[in-house]
Amino acid sequence: MKAKIEKCNVPNSSQISKSLSGAYYFDAYCFPTRYRERTSLQIWLAHVSTVPAWVNFLMAARNKLVSALGLKNLGHLGAVDEGKPINNYRVGDRVGIFTILSLSDNEIVLGDSDKHLDVKVSVFKDINDSEFITISTVVHVHNALGKTYMLVVEPIHKLIVPSIIKRAEFSEING
């Protein structure tokens, strides 16, 4: 499968689209998936299981730097319990750096809140076209610290998301 990741709109029919009002930042990436028979949670787990080492390095650096500002240590994006059965995941469970906020076969919305911002991420399978997946991110900042944080994080986020998608969908690592 050839890597074809495109920037797109947050799907109107997705749960995360309800969070767009007043967002400081949002984006979405659409791509054909090799995992069309899997649920949104299974797709998310496949993606975070292939996080490149440089992303984990950046997360570790981030966690060290922001601790001085009183922000959470989020751990690593791919820090999930590999032995946990897929059917045991529930709303409120922690999956890597995020907590499950809503969960269905066609969409998982995960998020995290801290004093500087709230972030939500969605993996959405359109029921009319299960070949394509949309990963959306929505950020609401609370204060100047959140805006400053986003100045640094936004360009890195734009590298990380497509990199994780390419690695999970278009390499043999997870195949």
N, C-alpha and C. Protein backbone atom coordinates (compact mmCIF):
# COMPACT_ATOMS: atom_id res chain seq x y z
N MET A 1 0.85 -1.18 0.00
CA MET A 1 0.00 0.00 0.00
C MET A 1 0.89 1.24 0.00
N LYS A 2 0.67 2.15 -0.91
CA LYS A 2 1.46 3.37 -1.01
C LYS A 2 0.97 4.40 0.01
N ALA A 3 1.95 5.03 0.67
CA ALA A 3 1.62 6.04 1.68
C ALA A 3 0.93 7.23 1.03
N LYS A 4 -0.32 7.46 1.39
CA LYS A 4 -1.07 8.62 0.90
C LYS A 4 -1.80 9.23 2.08
N ILE A 5 -1.10 10.08 2.78
CA ILE A 5 -1.67 10.75 3.94
C ILE A 5 -1.97 12.18 3.53
N GLU A 6 -3.20 12.60 3.77
CA GLU A 6 -3.60 13.95 3.37
C GLU A 6 -4.18 14.70 4.55
N LYS A 7 -3.89 15.99 4.61
CA LYS A 7 -4.58 16.86 5.56
C LYS A 7 -6.03 16.94 5.08
N CYS A 8 -6.96 16.93 6.01
CA CYS A 8 -8.38 16.98 5.66
C CYS A 8 -9.14 17.70 6.77
N ASN A 9 -10.43 17.81 6.60
CA ASN A 9 -11.28 18.41 7.62
C ASN A 9 -11.61 17.37 8.69
N VAL A 10 -11.83 17.85 9.89
CA VAL A 10 -12.35 16.99 10.94
C VAL A 10 -13.74 16.54 10.48
N PRO A 11 -14.01 15.24 10.43
CA PRO A 11 -15.30 14.77 9.92
C PRO A 11 -16.48 15.31 10.74
N ASN A 12 -17.46 15.87 10.05
CA ASN A 12 -18.64 16.43 10.72
C ASN A 12 -19.40 15.38 11.53
N SER A 13 -19.37 14.14 11.07
CA SER A 13 -20.12 13.09 11.75
C SER A 13 -19.34 12.44 12.91
N SER A 14 -18.14 12.94 13.19
CA SER A 14 -17.34 12.38 14.28
C SER A 14 -17.72 13.03 15.61
N GLN A 15 -17.48 12.30 16.69
CA GLN A 15 -17.72 12.83 18.04
C GLN A 15 -16.81 14.02 18.33
N ILE A 16 -15.56 13.94 17.87
CA ILE A 16 -14.60 14.99 18.18
C ILE A 16 -14.98 16.33 17.54
N SER A 17 -15.77 16.29 16.48
CA SER A 17 -16.18 17.54 15.82
C SER A 17 -16.97 18.44 16.77
N LYS A 18 -17.59 17.85 17.78
CA LYS A 18 -18.34 18.63 18.78
C LYS A 18 -17.42 19.48 19.65
N SER A 19 -16.12 19.20 19.60
CA SER A 19 -15.14 19.94 20.40
C SER A 19 -14.48 21.08 19.64
N LEU A 20 -14.86 21.28 18.39
CA LEU A 20 -14.18 22.29 17.56
C LEU A 20 -14.47 23.73 17.97
N SER A 21 -15.64 23.99 18.50
CA SER A 21 -16.01 25.35 18.86
C SER A 21 -15.02 25.93 19.87
N GLY A 22 -14.41 27.05 19.52
CA GLY A 22 -13.46 27.71 20.40
C GLY A 22 -12.09 27.08 20.46
N ALA A 23 -11.81 26.10 19.61
CA ALA A 23 -10.51 25.43 19.64
C ALA A 23 -9.39 26.41 19.26
N TYR A 24 -8.29 26.29 19.96
CA TYR A 24 -7.10 27.09 19.66
C TYR A 24 -6.37 26.48 18.46
N TYR A 25 -6.40 25.15 18.38
CA TYR A 25 -5.72 24.43 17.30
C TYR A 25 -6.51 23.17 17.00
N PHE A 26 -6.57 22.81 15.73
CA PHE A 26 -7.10 21.50 15.34
C PHE A 26 -6.53 21.13 13.99
N ASP A 27 -6.46 19.83 13.76
CA ASP A 27 -6.06 19.32 12.45
C ASP A 27 -6.62 17.92 12.28
N ALA A 28 -6.52 17.41 11.07
CA ALA A 28 -6.96 16.06 10.77
C ALA A 28 -6.16 15.52 9.60
N TYR A 29 -5.86 14.23 9.67
CA TYR A 29 -5.14 13.53 8.61
C TYR A 29 -5.98 12.33 8.19
N CYS A 30 -6.18 12.18 6.87
CA CYS A 30 -6.95 11.07 6.30
C CYS A 30 -6.00 10.17 5.53
N PHE A 31 -6.27 8.88 5.56
CA PHE A 31 -5.40 7.94 4.87
C PHE A 31 -6.12 6.60 4.71
N PRO A 32 -5.71 5.82 3.70
CA PRO A 32 -6.26 4.47 3.56
C PRO A 32 -5.64 3.59 4.64
N THR A 33 -6.43 2.71 5.21
CA THR A 33 -5.90 1.86 6.29
C THR A 33 -5.75 0.42 5.85
N ARG A 34 -4.74 -0.22 6.39
CA ARG A 34 -4.55 -1.65 6.18
C ARG A 34 -5.36 -2.43 7.22
N TYR A 35 -5.97 -1.71 8.15
CA TYR A 35 -6.68 -2.32 9.27
C TYR A 35 -8.19 -2.13 9.18
N ARG A 36 -8.76 -2.17 7.99
CA ARG A 36 -10.17 -1.81 7.83
C ARG A 36 -11.13 -2.72 8.59
N GLU A 37 -10.71 -3.93 8.92
CA GLU A 37 -11.59 -4.84 9.67
C GLU A 37 -11.49 -4.62 11.18
N ARG A 38 -10.57 -3.78 11.61
CA ARG A 38 -10.37 -3.55 13.04
C ARG A 38 -11.23 -2.39 13.55
N THR A 39 -11.44 -2.37 14.85
CA THR A 39 -12.16 -1.26 15.48
C THR A 39 -11.24 -0.05 15.59
N SER A 40 -11.82 1.08 15.92
CA SER A 40 -11.03 2.30 16.08
C SER A 40 -9.98 2.13 17.19
N LEU A 41 -10.34 1.46 18.28
CA LEU A 41 -9.39 1.21 19.36
C LEU A 41 -8.25 0.33 18.87
N GLN A 42 -8.55 -0.72 18.13
CA GLN A 42 -7.50 -1.60 17.60
C GLN A 42 -6.57 -0.84 16.67
N ILE A 43 -7.12 0.06 15.87
CA ILE A 43 -6.30 0.87 14.98
C ILE A 43 -5.39 1.78 15.79
N TRP A 44 -5.95 2.44 16.82
CA TRP A 44 -5.14 3.30 17.68
C TRP A 44 -3.99 2.51 18.31
N LEU A 45 -4.29 1.33 18.84
CA LEU A 45 -3.25 0.52 19.48
C LEU A 45 -2.19 0.08 18.47
N ALA A 46 -2.60 -0.24 17.24
CA ALA A 46 -1.63 -0.59 16.20
C ALA A 46 -0.71 0.59 15.91
N HIS A 47 -1.26 1.79 15.91
CA HIS A 47 -0.46 2.98 15.62
C HIS A 47 0.51 3.31 16.75
N VAL A 48 0.03 3.29 17.99
CA VAL A 48 0.94 3.67 19.08
C VAL A 48 1.96 2.58 19.39
N SER A 49 1.72 1.37 18.93
CA SER A 49 2.71 0.30 19.14
C SER A 49 3.91 0.46 18.23
N THR A 50 3.83 1.35 17.25
CA THR A 50 4.94 1.54 16.31
C THR A 50 5.57 2.93 16.42
N VAL A 51 5.36 3.60 17.55
CA VAL A 51 5.90 4.95 17.72
C VAL A 51 7.42 4.92 17.53
N PRO A 52 7.93 5.79 16.66
CA PRO A 52 9.38 5.83 16.44
C PRO A 52 10.14 6.22 17.72
N ALA A 53 11.36 5.74 17.86
CA ALA A 53 12.18 6.03 19.05
C ALA A 53 12.37 7.53 19.24
N TRP A 54 12.49 8.28 18.14
CA TRP A 54 12.71 9.73 18.28
C TRP A 54 11.50 10.42 18.92
N VAL A 55 10.30 9.87 18.73
CA VAL A 55 9.11 10.44 19.36
C VAL A 55 9.16 10.19 20.87
N ASN A 56 9.55 8.97 21.26
CA ASN A 56 9.68 8.68 22.69
C ASN A 56 10.77 9.54 23.32
N PHE A 57 11.85 9.78 22.59
CA PHE A 57 12.90 10.67 23.08
C PHE A 57 12.35 12.07 23.32
N LEU A 58 11.59 12.59 22.36
CA LEU A 58 10.99 13.92 22.52
C LEU A 58 10.00 13.96 23.68
N MET A 59 9.22 12.90 23.86
CA MET A 59 8.28 12.86 24.99
C MET A 59 9.03 12.86 26.32
N ALA A 60 10.12 12.12 26.39
CA ALA A 60 10.92 12.09 27.63
C ALA A 60 11.50 13.48 27.91
N ALA A 61 12.00 14.15 26.86
CA ALA A 61 12.53 15.50 27.02
C ALA A 61 11.42 16.45 27.45
N ARG A 62 10.26 16.34 26.82
CA ARG A 62 9.11 17.18 27.17
C ARG A 62 8.74 17.00 28.64
N ASN A 63 8.67 15.74 29.07
CA ASN A 63 8.28 15.45 30.45
C ASN A 63 9.26 16.06 31.45
N LYS A 64 10.54 16.00 31.13
CA LYS A 64 11.57 16.58 32.00
C LYS A 64 11.46 18.10 32.06
N LEU A 65 11.31 18.71 30.89
CA LEU A 65 11.26 20.18 30.81
C LEU A 65 10.03 20.77 31.49
N VAL A 66 8.87 20.19 31.26
CA VAL A 66 7.64 20.79 31.78
C VAL A 66 7.40 20.52 33.25
N SER A 67 8.13 19.58 33.83
CA SER A 67 7.95 19.32 35.26
C SER A 67 8.28 20.56 36.09
N ALA A 68 9.22 21.37 35.62
CA ALA A 68 9.58 22.61 36.31
C ALA A 68 8.42 23.62 36.28
N LEU A 69 7.51 23.46 35.32
CA LEU A 69 6.35 24.35 35.20
C LEU A 69 5.12 23.80 35.91
N GLY A 70 5.28 22.64 36.53
CA GLY A 70 4.16 22.04 37.24
C GLY A 70 3.20 21.28 36.35
N LEU A 71 3.62 20.96 35.12
CA LEU A 71 2.75 20.20 34.22
C LEU A 71 2.97 18.70 34.42
N LYS A 72 2.00 17.92 33.98
CA LYS A 72 2.03 16.47 34.14
C LYS A 72 3.18 15.83 33.37
N ASN A 73 3.69 14.75 33.94
CA ASN A 73 4.57 13.84 33.22
C ASN A 73 3.62 12.84 32.55
N LEU A 74 3.55 12.89 31.23
CA LEU A 74 2.60 12.05 30.50
C LEU A 74 3.11 10.65 30.21
N GLY A 75 4.39 10.42 30.38
CA GLY A 75 4.95 9.13 30.02
C GLY A 75 5.16 9.06 28.51
N HIS A 76 5.07 7.85 27.95
CA HIS A 76 5.29 7.65 26.52
C HIS A 76 3.98 7.37 25.80
N LEU A 77 3.90 7.83 24.57
CA LEU A 77 2.71 7.65 23.74
C LEU A 77 2.32 6.18 23.62
N GLY A 78 3.30 5.33 23.44
CA GLY A 78 3.02 3.91 23.23
C GLY A 78 3.02 3.07 24.49
N ALA A 79 2.99 3.69 25.66
CA ALA A 79 3.01 2.94 26.92
C ALA A 79 1.62 2.37 27.20
N VAL A 80 1.34 1.23 26.60
CA VAL A 80 0.04 0.57 26.79
C VAL A 80 0.28 -0.85 27.32
N ASP A 81 -0.73 -1.39 27.95
CA ASP A 81 -0.67 -2.75 28.48
C ASP A 81 -0.94 -3.73 27.34
N GLU A 82 0.13 -4.29 26.79
CA GLU A 82 -0.01 -5.18 25.62
C GLU A 82 -0.78 -6.46 25.94
N GLY A 83 -0.83 -6.83 27.21
CA GLY A 83 -1.54 -8.05 27.60
C GLY A 83 -3.02 -7.84 27.88
N LYS A 84 -3.48 -6.59 27.84
CA LYS A 84 -4.88 -6.30 28.15
C LYS A 84 -5.76 -6.69 26.97
N PRO A 85 -6.76 -7.53 27.19
CA PRO A 85 -7.67 -7.90 26.10
C PRO A 85 -8.43 -6.68 25.57
N ILE A 86 -8.62 -6.62 24.28
CA ILE A 86 -9.25 -5.47 23.63
C ILE A 86 -10.65 -5.21 24.20
N ASN A 87 -11.36 -6.25 24.57
CA ASN A 87 -12.72 -6.10 25.09
C ASN A 87 -12.77 -5.56 26.52
N ASN A 88 -11.61 -5.45 27.17
CA ASN A 88 -11.56 -4.94 28.54
C ASN A 88 -11.37 -3.44 28.62
N TYR A 89 -11.15 -2.78 27.50
CA TYR A 89 -10.98 -1.32 27.51
C TYR A 89 -12.33 -0.65 27.70
N ARG A 90 -12.33 0.39 28.55
CA ARG A 90 -13.54 1.14 28.87
C ARG A 90 -13.25 2.63 28.87
N VAL A 91 -14.30 3.43 28.75
CA VAL A 91 -14.18 4.87 28.92
C VAL A 91 -13.58 5.11 30.30
N GLY A 92 -12.58 5.99 30.36
CA GLY A 92 -11.88 6.29 31.61
C GLY A 92 -10.55 5.58 31.74
N ASP A 93 -10.31 4.55 30.92
CA ASP A 93 -9.03 3.84 30.96
C ASP A 93 -7.94 4.70 30.34
N ARG A 94 -6.74 4.57 30.89
CA ARG A 94 -5.57 5.26 30.35
C ARG A 94 -4.96 4.37 29.26
N VAL A 95 -4.64 4.98 28.11
CA VAL A 95 -4.01 4.27 27.00
C VAL A 95 -2.83 5.14 26.56
N GLY A 96 -1.63 4.79 27.02
CA GLY A 96 -0.47 5.64 26.73
C GLY A 96 -0.60 6.96 27.47
N ILE A 97 -0.50 8.07 26.76
CA ILE A 97 -0.56 9.39 27.39
C ILE A 97 -1.98 9.94 27.48
N PHE A 98 -2.95 9.19 26.98
CA PHE A 98 -4.33 9.68 26.93
C PHE A 98 -5.29 8.79 27.71
N THR A 99 -6.44 9.37 28.03
CA THR A 99 -7.55 8.66 28.67
C THR A 99 -8.67 8.51 27.64
N ILE A 100 -9.30 7.34 27.60
CA ILE A 100 -10.42 7.13 26.68
C ILE A 100 -11.61 7.96 27.16
N LEU A 101 -12.10 8.84 26.28
CA LEU A 101 -13.25 9.70 26.59
C LEU A 101 -14.54 9.16 26.01
N SER A 102 -14.46 8.56 24.83
CA SER A 102 -15.61 7.87 24.24
C SER A 102 -15.07 6.75 23.35
N LEU A 103 -15.88 5.70 23.22
CA LEU A 103 -15.40 4.51 22.55
C LEU A 103 -16.53 3.81 21.81
N SER A 104 -16.35 3.64 20.51
CA SER A 104 -17.25 2.82 19.70
C SER A 104 -16.39 2.11 18.67
N ASP A 105 -16.99 1.19 17.93
CA ASP A 105 -16.21 0.50 16.90
C ASP A 105 -15.66 1.47 15.86
N ASN A 106 -16.43 2.53 15.56
CA ASN A 106 -16.04 3.45 14.49
C ASN A 106 -15.27 4.68 14.95
N GLU A 107 -15.25 4.95 16.25
CA GLU A 107 -14.47 6.10 16.71
C GLU A 107 -14.06 5.94 18.16
N ILE A 108 -12.81 6.26 18.41
CA ILE A 108 -12.33 6.40 19.78
C ILE A 108 -11.88 7.84 19.93
N VAL A 109 -12.29 8.47 21.02
CA VAL A 109 -11.81 9.80 21.36
C VAL A 109 -11.04 9.67 22.66
N LEU A 110 -9.80 10.13 22.62
CA LEU A 110 -8.93 10.09 23.78
C LEU A 110 -8.56 11.51 24.13
N GLY A 111 -8.16 11.75 25.36
CA GLY A 111 -7.79 13.11 25.71
C GLY A 111 -6.97 13.19 26.97
N ASP A 112 -6.49 14.39 27.22
CA ASP A 112 -5.79 14.70 28.45
C ASP A 112 -6.02 16.17 28.76
N SER A 113 -6.12 16.48 30.04
CA SER A 113 -6.30 17.85 30.49
C SER A 113 -5.22 18.19 31.50
N ASP A 114 -4.74 19.40 31.42
CA ASP A 114 -3.77 19.91 32.38
C ASP A 114 -4.08 21.38 32.58
N LYS A 115 -3.32 22.05 33.42
CA LYS A 115 -3.66 23.44 33.73
C LYS A 115 -3.46 24.38 32.55
N HIS A 116 -2.70 23.99 31.56
CA HIS A 116 -2.41 24.87 30.43
C HIS A 116 -3.29 24.61 29.21
N LEU A 117 -3.78 23.36 29.05
CA LEU A 117 -4.60 23.05 27.87
C LEU A 117 -5.34 21.73 28.04
N ASP A 118 -6.31 21.53 27.15
CA ASP A 118 -7.00 20.25 26.99
C ASP A 118 -6.75 19.80 25.56
N VAL A 119 -6.44 18.53 25.40
CA VAL A 119 -6.23 17.98 24.06
C VAL A 119 -7.11 16.74 23.89
N LYS A 120 -7.67 16.61 22.70
CA LYS A 120 -8.44 15.42 22.33
C LYS A 120 -7.91 14.91 21.00
N VAL A 121 -7.90 13.58 20.88
CA VAL A 121 -7.47 12.91 19.65
C VAL A 121 -8.55 11.89 19.30
N SER A 122 -8.85 11.79 18.02
CA SER A 122 -9.87 10.84 17.56
C SER A 122 -9.31 9.98 16.43
N VAL A 123 -9.66 8.70 16.48
CA VAL A 123 -9.47 7.80 15.33
C VAL A 123 -10.88 7.48 14.87
N PHE A 124 -11.18 7.89 13.64
CA PHE A 124 -12.54 7.81 13.11
C PHE A 124 -12.58 6.99 11.84
N LYS A 125 -13.47 5.98 11.82
CA LYS A 125 -13.73 5.17 10.63
C LYS A 125 -15.11 5.58 10.12
N ASP A 126 -15.16 6.13 8.93
CA ASP A 126 -16.44 6.50 8.34
C ASP A 126 -17.20 5.22 8.00
N ILE A 127 -18.41 5.08 8.51
CA ILE A 127 -19.18 3.85 8.27
C ILE A 127 -19.51 3.67 6.79
N ASN A 128 -19.46 4.75 6.01
CA ASN A 128 -19.73 4.65 4.58
C ASN A 128 -18.48 4.33 3.77
N ASP A 129 -17.30 4.43 4.38
CA ASP A 129 -16.06 4.16 3.67
C ASP A 129 -15.00 3.70 4.66
N SER A 130 -15.07 2.44 5.06
CA SER A 130 -14.18 1.93 6.11
C SER A 130 -12.74 1.76 5.64
N GLU A 131 -12.48 2.02 4.36
CA GLU A 131 -11.10 1.92 3.87
C GLU A 131 -10.26 3.10 4.37
N PHE A 132 -10.92 4.22 4.67
CA PHE A 132 -10.20 5.42 5.08
C PHE A 132 -10.43 5.73 6.55
N ILE A 133 -9.36 6.20 7.16
CA ILE A 133 -9.36 6.58 8.57
C ILE A 133 -9.02 8.06 8.65
N THR A 134 -9.57 8.73 9.64
CA THR A 134 -9.19 10.11 9.93
C THR A 134 -8.72 10.17 11.38
N ILE A 135 -7.52 10.70 11.57
CA ILE A 135 -7.02 10.98 12.91
C ILE A 135 -7.07 12.49 13.09
N SER A 136 -7.84 12.93 14.08
CA SER A 136 -8.04 14.36 14.34
C SER A 136 -7.51 14.72 15.71
N THR A 137 -7.03 15.94 15.82
CA THR A 137 -6.56 16.50 17.09
C THR A 137 -7.24 17.84 17.31
N VAL A 138 -7.73 18.07 18.52
CA VAL A 138 -8.36 19.34 18.89
C VAL A 138 -7.75 19.79 20.22
N VAL A 139 -7.29 21.05 20.25
CA VAL A 139 -6.65 21.60 21.45
C VAL A 139 -7.37 22.88 21.87
N HIS A 140 -7.68 22.96 23.15
CA HIS A 140 -8.22 24.17 23.78
C HIS A 140 -7.19 24.62 24.81
N VAL A 141 -6.69 25.85 24.67
CA VAL A 141 -5.73 26.36 25.65
C VAL A 141 -6.47 27.13 26.74
N HIS A 142 -5.87 27.13 27.94
CA HIS A 142 -6.48 27.79 29.09
C HIS A 142 -5.84 29.12 29.43
N ASN A 143 -4.60 29.33 29.00
CA ASN A 143 -3.86 30.50 29.46
C ASN A 143 -2.64 30.75 28.57
N ALA A 144 -1.83 31.73 28.96
CA ALA A 144 -0.64 32.08 28.19
C ALA A 144 0.35 30.92 28.13
N LEU A 145 0.43 30.14 29.19
CA LEU A 145 1.32 28.98 29.18
C LEU A 145 0.89 28.00 28.09
N GLY A 146 -0.41 27.79 27.95
CA GLY A 146 -0.91 26.90 26.90
C GLY A 146 -0.57 27.41 25.51
N LYS A 147 -0.68 28.71 25.30
CA LYS A 147 -0.34 29.29 23.99
C LYS A 147 1.15 29.16 23.71
N THR A 148 1.97 29.41 24.72
CA THR A 148 3.42 29.28 24.56
C THR A 148 3.79 27.82 24.29
N TYR A 149 3.18 26.92 25.03
CA TYR A 149 3.40 25.48 24.85
C TYR A 149 3.08 25.08 23.41
N MET A 150 1.96 25.56 22.90
CA MET A 150 1.55 25.21 21.54
C MET A 150 2.49 25.77 20.48
N LEU A 151 3.13 26.90 20.74
CA LEU A 151 4.12 27.43 19.80
C LEU A 151 5.24 26.42 19.55
N VAL A 152 5.61 25.71 20.60
CA VAL A 152 6.67 24.71 20.50
C VAL A 152 6.12 23.39 19.97
N VAL A 153 4.98 22.97 20.49
CA VAL A 153 4.44 21.64 20.20
C VAL A 153 3.82 21.52 18.81
N GLU A 154 3.16 22.56 18.33
CA GLU A 154 2.44 22.46 17.05
C GLU A 154 3.32 21.99 15.89
N PRO A 155 4.49 22.60 15.65
CA PRO A 155 5.30 22.11 14.52
C PRO A 155 5.79 20.67 14.72
N ILE A 156 6.04 20.29 15.96
CA ILE A 156 6.48 18.92 16.24
C ILE A 156 5.32 17.96 16.02
N HIS A 157 4.14 18.34 16.47
CA HIS A 157 2.93 17.53 16.27
C HIS A 157 2.73 17.24 14.78
N LYS A 158 2.96 18.25 13.94
CA LYS A 158 2.77 18.09 12.49
C LYS A 158 3.77 17.13 11.87
N LEU A 159 4.86 16.85 12.56
CA LEU A 159 5.83 15.83 12.12
C LEU A 159 5.48 14.46 12.70
N ILE A 160 5.07 14.46 13.96
CA ILE A 160 4.83 13.20 14.67
C ILE A 160 3.65 12.43 14.09
N VAL A 161 2.52 13.08 13.91
CA VAL A 161 1.31 12.35 13.49
C VAL A 161 1.51 11.65 12.14
N PRO A 162 1.95 12.36 11.09
CA PRO A 162 2.17 11.64 9.82
C PRO A 162 3.24 10.55 9.93
N SER A 163 4.25 10.77 10.75
CA SER A 163 5.30 9.77 10.92
C SER A 163 4.75 8.49 11.53
N ILE A 164 3.91 8.63 12.55
CA ILE A 164 3.32 7.45 13.19
C ILE A 164 2.38 6.74 12.22
N ILE A 165 1.60 7.50 11.47
CA ILE A 165 0.69 6.89 10.49
C ILE A 165 1.48 6.11 9.45
N LYS A 166 2.51 6.72 8.89
CA LYS A 166 3.32 6.03 7.86
C LYS A 166 3.93 4.76 8.41
N ARG A 167 4.46 4.84 9.60
CA ARG A 167 5.12 3.69 10.19
C ARG A 167 4.13 2.55 10.44
N ALA A 168 2.94 2.88 10.93
CA ALA A 168 1.95 1.85 11.24
C ALA A 168 1.26 1.29 10.00
N GLU A 169 0.96 2.16 9.06
CA GLU A 169 0.15 1.76 7.92
C GLU A 169 0.94 1.28 6.71
N PHE A 170 2.13 1.80 6.54
CA PHE A 170 2.82 1.57 5.27
C PHE A 170 4.18 0.91 5.41
N SER A 171 4.49 0.38 6.59
CA SER A 171 5.74 -0.35 6.75
C SER A 171 5.40 -1.78 7.15
N GLU A 172 6.40 -2.60 7.25
CA GLU A 172 6.19 -3.99 7.64
C GLU A 172 6.30 -4.19 9.15
N ILE A 173 6.52 -3.11 9.89
CA ILE A 173 6.71 -3.21 11.33
C ILE A 173 5.50 -3.84 12.00
N ASN A 174 4.33 -3.42 11.60
CA ASN A 174 3.11 -3.87 12.26
C ASN A 174 2.30 -4.80 11.36
N GLY A 175 2.94 -5.36 10.38
CA GLY A 175 2.17 -6.07 9.40
C GLY A 175 2.22 -7.53 9.43
